[in-house]
């Protein structure tokens, strides 16, 4: 592969969900926010599980790099949030869900 293509491959992201898309197209209020936060956390858990399994089973570099990039992106999102608000959102998600469906 020539150097220009190698450089292109180096800068090309593995994941294509942009920060704008994450901030504006994922519901960020009420029960939707709670479900989104829970989904982000569970996705990180799944990635950790896949990385752990892959380490002992010869995971390919592409899959490993894609998972690591996605995990980093999700952790960045969580780190940008108010941790106390996240804790409250996750602890009270059932109540928010009840309120949503009652309304």
Protein backbone atom coordinates (compact mmCIF):
# COMPACT_ATOMS: atom_id res chain seq x y z
CA UNK A 1 0.00 0.00 0.00
CA UNK A 2 1.38 3.43 -0.87
CA UNK A 3 2.09 6.06 1.81
CA UNK A 4 -0.88 8.27 0.84
CA UNK A 5 -3.29 5.39 1.34
CA UNK A 6 -1.59 4.40 4.58
CA UNK A 7 -2.09 7.94 5.88
CA UNK A 8 -5.76 7.84 4.83
CA UNK A 9 -6.22 4.55 6.68
CA UNK A 10 -4.59 6.01 9.80
CA UNK A 11 -6.95 9.00 9.98
CA UNK A 12 -10.11 7.09 9.04
CA UNK A 13 -12.33 6.49 12.11
CA UNK A 14 -13.71 3.06 12.89
CA UNK A 15 -17.05 4.45 14.06
CA UNK A 16 -19.16 7.00 12.23
CA UNK A 17 -21.46 8.30 14.95
CA UNK A 18 -20.47 11.93 15.30
CA UNK A 19 -20.57 13.99 18.49
CA UNK A 20 -23.29 16.16 16.88
CA UNK A 21 -25.40 13.11 16.08
CA UNK A 22 -25.00 11.73 19.61
CA UNK A 23 -25.96 15.09 21.17
CA UNK A 24 -28.88 15.93 18.89
CA UNK A 25 -30.48 12.74 17.67
CA UNK A 26 -30.48 10.62 20.82
CA UNK A 27 -33.27 11.54 23.20
CA UNK A 28 -31.67 13.37 26.09
CA UNK A 29 -34.66 14.06 28.35
CA UNK A 30 -36.88 12.09 30.70
CA UNK A 31 -37.15 8.35 30.32
CA UNK A 32 -35.37 8.52 26.96
CA UNK A 33 -32.29 10.01 28.60
CA UNK A 34 -32.25 7.34 31.29
CA UNK A 35 -32.56 4.58 28.72
CA UNK A 36 -29.82 6.15 26.62
CA UNK A 37 -27.42 6.39 29.58
CA UNK A 38 -28.15 2.79 30.55
CA UNK A 39 -27.60 1.71 26.95
CA UNK A 40 -24.25 3.55 26.84
CA UNK A 41 -23.11 1.87 30.06
CA UNK A 42 -24.22 -1.56 28.87
CA UNK A 43 -22.48 -1.04 25.54
CA UNK A 44 -19.25 -0.30 27.42
CA UNK A 45 -19.76 -3.46 29.48
CA UNK A 46 -20.30 -5.48 26.30
CA UNK A 47 -17.18 -4.00 24.72
CA UNK A 48 -15.14 -4.90 27.81
CA UNK A 49 -16.49 -8.44 27.64
CA UNK A 50 -15.68 -8.74 23.93
CA UNK A 51 -12.17 -7.35 24.47
CA UNK A 52 -11.57 -9.77 27.34
CA UNK A 53 -12.81 -12.72 25.29
CA UNK A 54 -10.88 -11.57 22.23
CA UNK A 55 -7.62 -11.25 24.14
CA UNK A 56 -7.57 -14.98 24.83
CA UNK A 57 -9.02 -15.97 21.45
CA UNK A 58 -6.89 -14.02 19.01
CA UNK A 59 -9.07 -11.03 18.21
CA UNK A 60 -8.04 -9.31 15.01
CA UNK A 61 -6.57 -5.79 15.17
CA UNK A 62 -9.46 -4.23 13.25
CA UNK A 63 -12.11 -5.54 15.64
CA UNK A 64 -10.02 -4.60 18.67
CA UNK A 65 -9.36 -1.08 17.37
CA UNK A 66 -13.01 -0.53 16.48
CA UNK A 67 -14.12 -1.62 19.94
CA UNK A 68 -11.50 0.51 21.68
CA UNK A 69 -12.49 3.58 19.66
CA UNK A 70 -16.19 3.08 20.40
CA UNK A 71 -15.46 2.58 24.11
CA UNK A 72 -13.34 5.73 24.22
CA UNK A 73 -16.10 7.73 22.51
CA UNK A 74 -18.73 6.47 24.95
CA UNK A 75 -16.51 7.11 27.97
CA UNK A 76 -15.83 10.63 26.69
CA UNK A 77 -19.58 11.20 26.47
CA UNK A 78 -20.11 9.98 30.04
CA UNK A 79 -17.16 12.02 31.35
CA UNK A 80 -18.69 15.18 29.86
CA UNK A 81 -21.81 14.69 31.97
CA UNK A 82 -22.54 15.65 35.56
CA UNK A 83 -21.90 12.40 37.45
CA UNK A 84 -24.43 13.22 40.18
CA UNK A 85 -27.11 13.80 37.56
CA UNK A 86 -26.17 10.53 35.83
CA UNK A 87 -26.41 8.63 39.12
CA UNK A 88 -29.82 10.16 39.83
CA UNK A 89 -31.00 9.45 36.28
CA UNK A 90 -29.99 5.80 36.44
CA UNK A 91 -31.26 5.25 39.99
CA UNK A 92 -34.64 6.80 39.15
CA UNK A 93 -35.12 5.56 35.62
CA UNK A 94 -38.12 3.43 36.53
CA UNK A 95 -39.91 6.46 38.01
CA UNK A 96 -39.19 8.55 34.92
CA UNK A 97 -40.46 5.70 32.75
CA UNK A 98 -43.65 5.40 34.84
CA UNK A 99 -44.24 9.16 34.57
CA UNK A 100 -43.71 9.06 30.80
CA UNK A 101 -46.28 6.32 30.26
CA UNK A 102 -48.78 7.87 32.68
CA UNK A 103 -48.67 11.15 30.79
